[in-house]
Amino acid sequence: MNSRMSNQDIMTRLKVFVGVCLALTLMGIVFVVLYSIIFVTQPLNAISPVDQKFFELIIPIATFLTGTLSGIMLGSTPKEQTETEPEYHPPQENQDTEPCANPDCPRR
């Protein structure tokens, strides 16, 4: 049994690992933002300055992670994987060299 993985298997596992890490990070950001909005006491008519700076920092990070995650999940396969070479089948040694007279002959 061959235990080595092909390049496509390695790339697939790498994409899954990176995708899971980015998704967990994005979920953590969303959880922290929701927690800070819902459970932390805020001033009556405005948002606190610290939270405002926090949101200014988090929004571009979450946008970047969302774009990166979608790019990884929608990314195409490398060019060398899409261009497959036709398989070479050497001629059989025991075949007759004479062509068949039958039009349905498989050796035609």
PDB file of N, CA and C in Angstrom:
ATOM      1  N   MET A   1       0.834  -1.180   0.000  1.00  0.00           N
ATOM      2  CA  MET A   1       0.000   0.000   0.000  1.00  0.00           C
ATOM      3  C   MET A   1       0.883   1.250   0.000  1.00  0.00           C
ATOM      4  N   ASN A   2       0.567   2.186  -0.844  1.00  0.00           N
ATOM      5  CA  ASN A   2       1.336   3.418  -0.962  1.00  0.00           C
ATOM      6  C   ASN A   2       0.798   4.431   0.036  1.00  0.00           C
ATOM      7  N   SER A   3       1.636   4.877   0.977  1.00  0.00           N
ATOM      8  CA  SER A   3       1.176   5.793   2.025  1.00  0.00           C
ATOM      9  C   SER A   3       1.426   7.255   1.674  1.00  0.00           C
ATOM     10  N   ARG A   4       2.058   7.522   0.553  1.00  0.00           N
ATOM     11  CA  ARG A   4       2.321   8.910   0.156  1.00  0.00           C
ATOM     12  C   ARG A   4       1.075   9.528  -0.440  1.00  0.00           C
ATOM     13  N   MET A   5       0.839  10.780  -0.094  1.00  0.00           N
ATOM     14  CA  MET A   5      -0.305  11.500  -0.642  1.00  0.00           C
ATOM     15  C   MET A   5       0.122  12.210  -1.924  1.00  0.00           C
ATOM     16  N   SER A   6      -0.836  12.376  -2.820  1.00  0.00           N
ATOM     17  CA  SER A   6      -0.547  13.106  -4.051  1.00  0.00           C
ATOM     18  C   SER A   6      -0.564  14.604  -3.760  1.00  0.00           C
ATOM     19  N   ASN A   7      -0.094  15.390  -4.715  1.00  0.00           N
ATOM     20  CA  ASN A   7      -0.088  16.846  -4.545  1.00  0.00           C
ATOM     21  C   ASN A   7      -1.491  17.389  -4.368  1.00  0.00           C
ATOM     22  N   GLN A   8      -2.450  16.799  -5.073  1.00  0.00           N
ATOM     23  CA  GLN A   8      -3.832  17.270  -4.963  1.00  0.00           C
ATOM     24  C   GLN A   8      -4.377  16.981  -3.561  1.00  0.00           C
ATOM     25  N   ASP A   9      -4.048  15.825  -2.982  1.00  0.00           N
ATOM     26  CA  ASP A   9      -4.491  15.514  -1.622  1.00  0.00           C
ATOM     27  C   ASP A   9      -3.887  16.483  -0.608  1.00  0.00           C
ATOM     28  N   ILE A  10      -2.624  16.804  -0.785  1.00  0.00           N
ATOM     29  CA  ILE A  10      -1.960  17.735   0.133  1.00  0.00           C
ATOM     30  C   ILE A  10      -2.585  19.123   0.037  1.00  0.00           C
ATOM     31  N   MET A  11      -2.837  19.583  -1.193  1.00  0.00           N
ATOM     32  CA  MET A  11      -3.455  20.900  -1.363  1.00  0.00           C
ATOM     33  C   MET A  11      -4.872  20.931  -0.795  1.00  0.00           C
ATOM     34  N   THR A  12      -5.610  19.848  -0.947  1.00  0.00           N
ATOM     35  CA  THR A  12      -6.965  19.784  -0.402  1.00  0.00           C
ATOM     36  C   THR A  12      -6.933  19.861   1.118  1.00  0.00           C
ATOM     37  N   ARG A  13      -6.046  19.101   1.729  1.00  0.00           N
ATOM     38  CA  ARG A  13      -5.943  19.151   3.202  1.00  0.00           C
ATOM     39  C   ARG A  13      -5.472  20.514   3.687  1.00  0.00           C
ATOM     40  N   LEU A  14      -4.570  21.138   2.960  1.00  0.00           N
ATOM     41  CA  LEU A  14      -4.100  22.466   3.338  1.00  0.00           C
ATOM     42  C   LEU A  14      -5.225  23.488   3.247  1.00  0.00           C
ATOM     43  N   LYS A  15      -6.025  23.419   2.160  1.00  0.00           N
ATOM     44  CA  LYS A  15      -7.154  24.334   2.019  1.00  0.00           C
ATOM     45  C   LYS A  15      -8.164  24.140   3.141  1.00  0.00           C
ATOM     46  N   VAL A  16      -8.432  22.902   3.510  1.00  0.00           N
ATOM     47  CA  VAL A  16      -9.381  22.639   4.592  1.00  0.00           C
ATOM     48  C   VAL A  16      -8.846  23.185   5.911  1.00  0.00           C
ATOM     49  N   PHE A  17      -7.582  22.961   6.192  1.00  0.00           N
ATOM     50  CA  PHE A  17      -6.990  23.443   7.436  1.00  0.00           C
ATOM     51  C   PHE A  17      -7.018  24.964   7.521  1.00  0.00           C
ATOM     52  N   VAL A  18      -6.591  25.630   6.455  1.00  0.00           N
ATOM     53  CA  VAL A  18      -6.587  27.097   6.437  1.00  0.00           C
ATOM     54  C   VAL A  18      -8.014  27.630   6.508  1.00  0.00           C
ATOM     55  N   GLY A  19      -8.935  26.992   5.796  1.00  0.00           N
ATOM     56  CA  GLY A  19     -10.329  27.416   5.828  1.00  0.00           C
ATOM     57  C   GLY A  19     -10.938  27.288   7.211  1.00  0.00           C
ATOM     58  N   VAL A  20     -10.639  26.190   7.903  1.00  0.00           N
ATOM     59  CA  VAL A  20     -11.162  26.003   9.261  1.00  0.00           C
ATOM     60  C   VAL A  20     -10.568  27.041  10.210  1.00  0.00           C
ATOM     61  N   CYS A  21      -9.282  27.306  10.099  1.00  0.00           N
ATOM     62  CA  CYS A  21      -8.648  28.313  10.967  1.00  0.00           C
ATOM     63  C   CYS A  21      -9.248  29.704  10.736  1.00  0.00           C
ATOM     64  N   LEU A  22      -9.418  30.091   9.476  1.00  0.00           N
ATOM     65  CA  LEU A  22     -10.000  31.398   9.185  1.00  0.00           C
ATOM     66  C   LEU A  22     -11.462  31.471   9.629  1.00  0.00           C
ATOM     67  N   ALA A  23     -12.206  30.390   9.447  1.00  0.00           N
ATOM     68  CA  ALA A  23     -13.606  30.375   9.865  1.00  0.00           C
ATOM     69  C   ALA A  23     -13.722  30.486  11.381  1.00  0.00           C
ATOM     70  N   LEU A  24     -12.863  29.785  12.115  1.00  0.00           N
ATOM     71  CA  LEU A  24     -12.882  29.884  13.581  1.00  0.00           C
ATOM     72  C   LEU A  24     -12.504  31.290  14.046  1.00  0.00           C
ATOM     73  N   THR A  25     -11.535  31.897  13.393  1.00  0.00           N
ATOM     74  CA  THR A  25     -11.153  33.267  13.738  1.00  0.00           C
ATOM     75  C   THR A  25     -12.298  34.232  13.477  1.00  0.00           C
ATOM     76  N   LEU A  26     -12.958  34.090  12.335  1.00  0.00           N
ATOM     77  CA  LEU A  26     -14.087  34.955  11.998  1.00  0.00           C
ATOM     78  C   LEU A  26     -15.241  34.745  12.984  1.00  0.00           C
ATOM     79  N   MET A  27     -15.522  33.503  13.349  1.00  0.00           N
ATOM     80  CA  MET A  27     -16.566  33.249  14.336  1.00  0.00           C
ATOM     81  C   MET A  27     -16.213  33.846  15.689  1.00  0.00           C
ATOM     82  N   GLY A  28     -14.946  33.796  16.079  1.00  0.00           N
ATOM     83  CA  GLY A  28     -14.519  34.412  17.332  1.00  0.00           C
ATOM     84  C   GLY A  28     -14.711  35.916  17.317  1.00  0.00           C
ATOM     85  N   ILE A  29     -14.388  36.541  16.196  1.00  0.00           N
ATOM     86  CA  ILE A  29     -14.574  37.997  16.078  1.00  0.00           C
ATOM     87  C   ILE A  29     -16.052  38.350  16.194  1.00  0.00           C
ATOM     88  N   VAL A  30     -16.891  37.604  15.500  1.00  0.00           N
ATOM     89  CA  VAL A  30     -18.331  37.871  15.560  1.00  0.00           C
ATOM     90  C   VAL A  30     -18.848  37.676  16.977  1.00  0.00           C
ATOM     91  N   PHE A  31     -18.406  36.625  17.669  1.00  0.00           N
ATOM     92  CA  PHE A  31     -18.835  36.381  19.040  1.00  0.00           C
ATOM     93  C   PHE A  31     -18.408  37.516  19.966  1.00  0.00           C
ATOM     94  N   VAL A  32     -17.175  37.974  19.853  1.00  0.00           N
ATOM     95  CA  VAL A  32     -16.681  39.051  20.716  1.00  0.00           C
ATOM     96  C   VAL A  32     -17.434  40.350  20.449  1.00  0.00           C
ATOM     97  N   VAL A  33     -17.691  40.651  19.185  1.00  0.00           N
ATOM     98  CA  VAL A  33     -18.429  41.876  18.854  1.00  0.00           C
ATOM     99  C   VAL A  33     -19.853  41.802  19.395  1.00  0.00           C
ATOM    100  N   LEU A  34     -20.513  40.675  19.189  1.00  0.00           N
ATOM    101  CA  LEU A  34     -21.872  40.537  19.703  1.00  0.00           C
ATOM    102  C   LEU A  34     -21.909  40.590  21.230  1.00  0.00           C
ATOM    103  N   TYR A  35     -20.964  39.967  21.873  1.00  0.00           N
ATOM    104  CA  TYR A  35     -20.904  40.000  23.329  1.00  0.00           C
ATOM    105  C   TYR A  35     -20.711  41.433  23.827  1.00  0.00           C
ATOM    106  N   SER A  36     -19.816  42.173  23.184  1.00  0.00           N
ATOM    107  CA  SER A  36     -19.554  43.547  23.636  1.00  0.00           C
ATOM    108  C   SER A  36     -20.750  44.457  23.382  1.00  0.00           C
ATOM    109  N   ILE A  37     -21.533  44.173  22.353  1.00  0.00           N
ATOM    110  CA  ILE A  37     -22.719  44.991  22.089  1.00  0.00           C
ATOM    111  C   ILE A  37     -23.848  44.630  23.057  1.00  0.00           C
ATOM    112  N   ILE A  38     -24.050  43.342  23.298  1.00  0.00           N
ATOM    113  CA  ILE A  38     -25.209  42.905  24.076  1.00  0.00           C
ATOM    114  C   ILE A  38     -24.988  43.004  25.587  1.00  0.00           C
ATOM    115  N   PHE A  39     -23.859  42.543  26.087  1.00  0.00           N
ATOM    116  CA  PHE A  39     -23.706  42.376  27.525  1.00  0.00           C
ATOM    117  C   PHE A  39     -22.865  43.439  28.227  1.00  0.00           C
ATOM    118  N   VAL A  40     -22.166  44.280  27.514  1.00  0.00           N
ATOM    119  CA  VAL A  40     -21.348  45.308  28.147  1.00  0.00           C
ATOM    120  C   VAL A  40     -22.165  46.594  28.240  1.00  0.00           C
ATOM    121  N   THR A  41     -22.131  47.214  29.400  1.00  0.00           N
ATOM    122  CA  THR A  41     -22.900  48.435  29.618  1.00  0.00           C
ATOM    123  C   THR A  41     -22.354  49.562  28.758  1.00  0.00           C
ATOM    124  N   GLN A  42     -23.265  50.217  28.022  1.00  0.00           N
ATOM    125  CA  GLN A  42     -22.898  51.294  27.112  1.00  0.00           C
ATOM    126  C   GLN A  42     -23.518  52.599  27.609  1.00  0.00           C
ATOM    127  N   PRO A  43     -22.968  53.754  27.215  1.00  0.00           N
ATOM    128  CA  PRO A  43     -23.644  55.021  27.504  1.00  0.00           C
ATOM    129  C   PRO A  43     -25.023  55.060  26.832  1.00  0.00           C
ATOM    130  N   LEU A  44     -25.908  55.885  27.316  1.00  0.00           N
ATOM    131  CA  LEU A  44     -27.286  55.889  26.833  1.00  0.00           C
ATOM    132  C   LEU A  44     -27.430  56.268  25.369  1.00  0.00           C
ATOM    133  N   ASN A  45     -26.805  57.331  24.933  1.00  0.00           N
ATOM    134  CA  ASN A  45     -27.043  57.842  23.582  1.00  0.00           C
ATOM    135  C   ASN A  45     -25.895  57.600  22.611  1.00  0.00           C
ATOM    136  N   ALA A  46     -24.836  56.984  23.032  1.00  0.00           N
ATOM    137  CA  ALA A  46     -23.682  56.818  22.145  1.00  0.00           C
ATOM    138  C   ALA A  46     -22.921  55.563  22.538  1.00  0.00           C
ATOM    139  N   ILE A  47     -21.938  55.266  21.722  1.00  0.00           N
ATOM    140  CA  ILE A  47     -21.057  54.131  22.008  1.00  0.00           C
ATOM    141  C   ILE A  47     -19.808  54.682  22.687  1.00  0.00           C
ATOM    142  N   SER A  48     -19.246  53.906  23.583  1.00  0.00           N
ATOM    143  CA  SER A  48     -18.064  54.390  24.301  1.00  0.00           C
ATOM    144  C   SER A  48     -16.888  54.544  23.329  1.00  0.00           C
ATOM    145  N   PRO A  49     -15.970  55.469  23.606  1.00  0.00           N
ATOM    146  CA  PRO A  49     -14.831  55.680  22.690  1.00  0.00           C
ATOM    147  C   PRO A  49     -13.951  54.446  22.521  1.00  0.00           C
ATOM    148  N   VAL A  50     -13.805  53.678  23.580  1.00  0.00           N
ATOM    149  CA  VAL A  50     -12.976  52.466  23.486  1.00  0.00           C
ATOM    150  C   VAL A  50     -13.634  51.465  22.538  1.00  0.00           C
ATOM    151  N   ASP A  51     -14.950  51.291  22.675  1.00  0.00           N
ATOM    152  CA  ASP A  51     -15.646  50.363  21.781  1.00  0.00           C
ATOM    153  C   ASP A  51     -15.642  50.867  20.341  1.00  0.00           C
ATOM    154  N   GLN A  52     -15.705  52.162  20.170  1.00  0.00           N
ATOM    155  CA  GLN A  52     -15.672  52.722  18.826  1.00  0.00           C
ATOM    156  C   GLN A  52     -14.336  52.413  18.140  1.00  0.00           C
ATOM    157  N   LYS A  53     -13.239  52.564  18.867  1.00  0.00           N
ATOM    158  CA  LYS A  53     -11.919  52.214  18.304  1.00  0.00           C
ATOM    159  C   LYS A  53     -11.814  50.714  18.046  1.00  0.00           C
ATOM    160  N   PHE A  54     -12.404  49.943  18.963  1.00  0.00           N
ATOM    161  CA  PHE A  54     -12.403  48.486  18.803  1.00  0.00           C
ATOM    162  C   PHE A  54     -13.109  48.099  17.506  1.00  0.00           C
ATOM    163  N   PHE A  55     -14.266  48.674  17.240  1.00  0.00           N
ATOM    164  CA  PHE A  55     -15.006  48.367  16.023  1.00  0.00           C
ATOM    165  C   PHE A  55     -14.272  48.860  14.784  1.00  0.00           C
ATOM    166  N   GLU A  56     -13.594  49.993  14.891  1.00  0.00           N
ATOM    167  CA  GLU A  56     -12.809  50.485  13.756  1.00  0.00           C
ATOM    168  C   GLU A  56     -11.677  49.525  13.411  1.00  0.00           C
ATOM    169  N   LEU A  57     -11.159  48.832  14.402  1.00  0.00           N
ATOM    170  CA  LEU A  57     -10.092  47.866  14.180  1.00  0.00           C
ATOM    171  C   LEU A  57     -10.627  46.532  13.665  1.00  0.00           C
ATOM    172  N   ILE A  58     -11.743  46.082  14.201  1.00  0.00           N
ATOM    173  CA  ILE A  58     -12.270  44.761  13.898  1.00  0.00           C
ATOM    174  C   ILE A  58     -12.926  44.688  12.512  1.00  0.00           C
ATOM    175  N   ILE A  59     -13.593  45.743  12.082  1.00  0.00           N
ATOM    176  CA  ILE A  59     -14.327  45.697  10.813  1.00  0.00           C
ATOM    177  C   ILE A  59     -13.415  45.379   9.625  1.00  0.00           C
ATOM    178  N   PRO A  60     -12.260  46.031   9.445  1.00  0.00           N
ATOM    179  CA  PRO A  60     -11.396  45.643   8.304  1.00  0.00           C
ATOM    180  C   PRO A  60     -10.822  44.233   8.435  1.00  0.00           C
ATOM    181  N   ILE A  61     -10.544  43.805   9.658  1.00  0.00           N
ATOM    182  CA  ILE A  61     -10.021  42.449   9.853  1.00  0.00           C
ATOM    183  C   ILE A  61     -11.066  41.419   9.456  1.00  0.00           C
ATOM    184  N   ALA A  62     -12.307  41.618   9.902  1.00  0.00           N
ATOM    185  CA  ALA A  62     -13.375  40.675   9.551  1.00  0.00           C
ATOM    186  C   ALA A  62     -13.635  40.678   8.053  1.00  0.00           C
ATOM    187  N   THR A  63     -13.581  41.835   7.426  1.00  0.00           N
ATOM    188  CA  THR A  63     -13.776  41.916   5.976  1.00  0.00           C
ATOM    189  C   THR A  63     -12.667  41.169   5.238  1.00  0.00           C
ATOM    190  N   PHE A  64     -11.427  41.352   5.678  1.00  0.00           N
ATOM    191  CA  PHE A  64     -10.295  40.651   5.069  1.00  0.00           C
ATOM    192  C   PHE A  64     -10.432  39.139   5.232  1.00  0.00           C
ATOM    193  N   LEU A  65     -10.799  38.691   6.442  1.00  0.00           N
ATOM    194  CA  LEU A  65     -10.948  37.250   6.674  1.00  0.00           C
ATOM    195  C   LEU A  65     -12.074  36.663   5.830  1.00  0.00           C
ATOM    196  N   THR A  66     -13.163  37.389   5.690  1.00  0.00           N
ATOM    197  CA  THR A  66     -14.266  36.898   4.869  1.00  0.00           C
ATOM    198  C   THR A  66     -13.834  36.767   3.403  1.00  0.00           C
ATOM    199  N   GLY A  67     -13.135  37.757   2.889  1.00  0.00           N
ATOM    200  CA  GLY A  67     -12.651  37.694   1.510  1.00  0.00           C
ATOM    201  C   GLY A  67     -11.642  36.583   1.301  1.00  0.00           C
ATOM    202  N   THR A  68     -10.737  36.421   2.245  1.00  0.00           N
ATOM    203  CA  THR A  68      -9.736  35.366   2.138  1.00  0.00           C
ATOM    204  C   THR A  68     -10.374  33.994   2.200  1.00  0.00           C
ATOM    205  N   LEU A  69     -11.322  33.829   3.113  1.00  0.00           N
ATOM    206  CA  LEU A  69     -12.003  32.547   3.257  1.00  0.00           C
ATOM    207  C   LEU A  69     -12.780  32.192   1.992  1.00  0.00           C
ATOM    208  N   SER A  70     -13.479  33.166   1.428  1.00  0.00           N
ATOM    209  CA  SER A  70     -14.220  32.874   0.198  1.00  0.00           C
ATOM    210  C   SER A  70     -13.261  32.621  -0.971  1.00  0.00           C
ATOM    211  N   GLY A  71     -12.132  33.317  -1.008  1.00  0.00           N
ATOM    212  CA  GLY A  71     -11.149  33.077  -2.062  1.00  0.00           C
ATOM    213  C   GLY A  71     -10.549  31.688  -2.000  1.00  0.00           C
ATOM    214  N   ILE A  72     -10.294  31.210  -0.794  1.00  0.00           N
ATOM    215  CA  ILE A  72      -9.739  29.863  -0.638  1.00  0.00           C
ATOM    216  C   ILE A  72     -10.765  28.813  -1.031  1.00  0.00           C
ATOM    217  N   MET A  73     -12.002  29.017  -0.604  1.00  0.00           N
ATOM    218  CA  MET A  73     -13.028  28.025  -0.897  1.00  0.00           C
ATOM    219  C   MET A  73     -13.424  28.011  -2.379  1.00  0.00           C
ATOM    220  N   LEU A  74     -13.336  29.140  -3.056  1.00  0.00           N
ATOM    221  CA  LEU A  74     -13.723  29.207  -4.460  1.00  0.00           C
ATOM    222  C   LEU A  74     -12.536  29.107  -5.410  1.00  0.00           C
ATOM    223  N   GLY A  75     -11.324  29.041  -4.866  1.00  0.00           N
ATOM    224  CA  GLY A  75     -10.122  29.019  -5.703  1.00  0.00           C
ATOM    225  C   GLY A  75     -10.091  27.816  -6.619  1.00  0.00           C
ATOM    226  N   SER A  76      -9.523  28.024  -7.798  1.00  0.00           N
ATOM    227  CA  SER A  76      -9.440  26.938  -8.763  1.00  0.00           C
ATOM    228  C   SER A  76      -8.208  26.094  -8.482  1.00  0.00           C
ATOM    229  N   THR A  77      -8.173  24.963  -9.127  1.00  0.00           N
ATOM    230  CA  THR A  77      -7.025  24.085  -8.973  1.00  0.00           C
ATOM    231  C   THR A  77      -5.861  24.647  -9.772  1.00  0.00           C
ATOM    232  N   PRO A  78      -4.638  24.311  -9.402  1.00  0.00           N
ATOM    233  CA  PRO A  78      -3.481  24.792 -10.163  1.00  0.00           C
ATOM    234  C   PRO A  78      -3.528  24.319 -11.615  1.00  0.00           C
ATOM    235  N   LYS A  79      -2.835  25.046 -12.465  1.00  0.00           N
ATOM    236  CA  LYS A  79      -2.862  24.777 -13.901  1.00  0.00           C
ATOM    237  C   LYS A  79      -2.343  23.372 -14.230  1.00  0.00           C
ATOM    238  N   GLU A  80      -1.347  22.920 -13.498  1.00  0.00           N
ATOM    239  CA  GLU A  80      -0.775  21.615 -13.811  1.00  0.00           C
ATOM    240  C   GLU A  80      -1.729  20.472 -13.483  1.00  0.00           C
ATOM    241  N   GLN A  81      -2.704  20.693 -12.613  1.00  0.00           N
ATOM    242  CA  GLN A  81      -3.668  19.645 -12.307  1.00  0.00           C
ATOM    243  C   GLN A  81      -4.789  19.603 -13.335  1.00  0.00           C
ATOM    244  N   THR A  82      -5.100  20.716 -13.965  1.00  0.00           N
ATOM    245  CA  THR A  82      -6.194  20.741 -14.927  1.00  0.00           C
ATOM    246  C   THR A  82      -5.773  20.239 -16.299  1.00  0.00           C
ATOM    247  N   GLU A  83      -4.512  20.349 -16.622  1.00  0.00           N
ATOM    248  CA  GLU A  83      -4.023  19.883 -17.914  1.00  0.00           C
ATOM    249  C   GLU A  83      -3.457  18.476 -17.747  1.00  0.00           C
ATOM    250  N   THR A  84      -4.270  17.483 -18.054  1.00  0.00           N
ATOM    251  CA  THR A  84      -3.807  16.109 -17.934  1.00  0.00           C
ATOM    252  C   THR A  84      -3.314  15.636 -19.287  1.00  0.00           C
ATOM    253  N   GLU A  85      -2.230  14.939 -19.254  1.00  0.00           N
ATOM    254  CA  GLU A  85      -1.671  14.403 -20.480  1.00  0.00           C
ATOM    255  C   GLU A  85      -2.409  13.113 -20.830  1.00  0.00           C
ATOM    256  N   PRO A  86      -2.608  12.861 -22.113  1.00  0.00           N
ATOM    257  CA  PRO A  86      -3.254  11.601 -22.486  1.00  0.00           C
ATOM    258  C   PRO A  86      -2.348  10.432 -22.115  1.00  0.00           C
ATOM    259  N   GLU A  87      -2.979   9.360 -21.697  1.00  0.00           N
ATOM    260  CA  GLU A  87      -2.206   8.185 -21.301  1.00  0.00           C
ATOM    261  C   GLU A  87      -1.650   7.487 -22.542  1.00  0.00           C
ATOM    262  N   TYR A  88      -0.458   6.977 -22.433  1.00  0.00           N
ATOM    263  CA  TYR A  88       0.180   6.253 -23.521  1.00  0.00           C
ATOM    264  C   TYR A  88      -0.054   4.768 -23.313  1.00  0.00           C
ATOM    265  N   HIS A  89      -0.630   4.134 -24.312  1.00  0.00           N
ATOM    266  CA  HIS A  89      -0.852   2.694 -24.267  1.00  0.00           C
ATOM    267  C   HIS A  89       0.018   2.063 -25.342  1.00  0.00           C
ATOM    268  N   PRO A  90       1.068   1.348 -24.934  1.00  0.00           N
ATOM    269  CA  PRO A  90       1.930   0.718 -25.941  1.00  0.00           C
ATOM    270  C   PRO A  90       1.164  -0.388 -26.666  1.00  0.00           C
ATOM    271  N   PRO A  91       1.540  -0.658 -27.908  1.00  0.00           N
ATOM    272  CA  PRO A  91       0.838  -1.713 -28.654  1.00  0.00           C
ATOM    273  C   PRO A  91       1.085  -3.075 -28.012  1.00  0.00           C
ATOM    274  N   GLN A  92       0.071  -3.905 -28.110  1.00  0.00           N
ATOM    275  CA  GLN A  92       0.169  -5.262 -27.577  1.00  0.00           C
ATOM    276  C   GLN A  92       1.092  -6.091 -28.486  1.00  0.00           C
ATOM    277  N   GLU A  93       1.856  -6.963 -27.888  1.00  0.00           N
ATOM    278  CA  GLU A  93       2.802  -7.756 -28.671  1.00  0.00           C
ATOM    279  C   GLU A  93       2.128  -8.862 -29.468  1.00  0.00           C
ATOM    280  N   ASN A  94       1.019  -9.377 -28.996  1.00  0.00           N
ATOM    281  CA  ASN A  94       0.395 -10.534 -29.632  1.00  0.00           C
ATOM    282  C   ASN A  94      -0.658 -10.153 -30.660  1.00  0.00           C
ATOM    283  N   GLN A  95      -0.771  -8.911 -31.049  1.00  0.00           N
ATOM    284  CA  GLN A  95      -1.770  -8.515 -32.034  1.00  0.00           C
ATOM    285  C   GLN A  95      -1.261  -8.786 -33.447  1.00  0.00           C
ATOM    286  N   ASP A  96      -2.206  -9.079 -34.301  1.00  0.00           N
ATOM    287  CA  ASP A  96      -1.853  -9.276 -35.709  1.00  0.00           C
ATOM    288  C   ASP A  96      -1.547  -7.926 -36.329  1.00  0.00           C
ATOM    289  N   THR A  97      -0.635  -7.929 -37.272  1.00  0.00           N
ATOM    290  CA  THR A  97      -0.305  -6.686 -37.951  1.00  0.00           C
ATOM    291  C   THR A  97      -1.206  -6.437 -39.145  1.00  0.00           C
ATOM    292  N   GLU A  98      -1.961  -7.442 -39.575  1.00  0.00           N
ATOM    293  CA  GLU A  98      -2.856  -7.296 -40.722  1.00  0.00           C
ATOM    294  C   GLU A  98      -4.125  -6.571 -40.281  1.00  0.00           C
ATOM    295  N   PRO A  99      -4.599  -5.604 -41.076  1.00  0.00           N
ATOM    296  CA  PRO A  99      -5.860  -4.940 -40.724  1.00  0.00           C
ATOM    297  C   PRO A  99      -7.042  -5.869 -40.913  1.00  0.00           C
ATOM    298  N   CYS A 100      -8.095  -5.632 -40.183  1.00  0.00           N
ATOM    299  CA  CYS A 100      -9.314  -6.455 -40.293  1.00  0.00           C
ATOM    300  C   CYS A 100     -10.098  -6.068 -41.523  1.00  0.00           C
ATOM    301  N   ALA A 101     -10.762  -7.055 -42.102  1.00  0.00           N
ATOM    302  CA  ALA A 101     -11.646  -6.781 -43.238  1.00  0.00           C
ATOM    303  C   ALA A 101     -13.027  -6.351 -42.748  1.00  0.00           C
ATOM    304  N   ASN A 102     -13.363  -6.697 -41.521  1.00  0.00           N
ATOM    305  CA  ASN A 102     -14.654  -6.363 -40.934  1.00  0.00           C
ATOM    306  C   ASN A 102     -14.659  -4.885 -40.543  1.00  0.00           C
ATOM    307  N   PRO A 103     -15.703  -4.092 -40.935  1.00  0.00           N
ATOM    308  CA  PRO A 103     -15.725  -2.666 -40.564  1.00  0.00           C
ATOM    309  C   PRO A 103     -15.914  -2.419 -39.058  1.00  0.00           C
ATOM    310  N   ASP A 104     -16.400  -3.412 -38.320  1.00  0.00           N
ATOM    311  CA  ASP A 104     -16.608  -3.275 -36.874  1.00  0.00           C
ATOM    312  C   ASP A 104     -15.407  -3.790 -36.063  1.00  0.00           C
ATOM    313  N   CYS A 105     -14.332  -4.018 -36.702  1.00  0.00           N
ATOM    314  CA  CYS A 105     -13.152  -4.567 -36.045  1.00  0.00           C
ATOM    315  C   CYS A 105     -12.580  -3.568 -35.040  1.00  0.00           C
ATOM    316  N   PRO A 106     -12.281  -3.995 -33.796  1.00  0.00           N
ATOM    317  CA  PRO A 106     -11.718  -3.067 -32.803  1.00  0.00           C
ATOM    318  C   PRO A 106     -10.293  -2.643 -33.113  1.00  0.00           C
ATOM    319  N   ARG A 107      -9.588  -3.350 -33.980  1.00  0.00           N
ATOM    320  CA  ARG A 107      -8.205  -2.985 -34.288  1.00  0.00           C
ATOM    321  C   ARG A 107      -8.129  -1.930 -35.366  1.00  0.00           C
ATOM    322  N   ARG A 108      -9.214  -1.435 -35.835  1.00  0.00           N
ATOM    323  CA  ARG A 108      -9.232  -0.457 -36.907  1.00  0.00           C
ATOM    324  C   ARG A 108      -8.899   0.894 -36.404  1.00  0.00           C
TER     325      ARG A 108
END
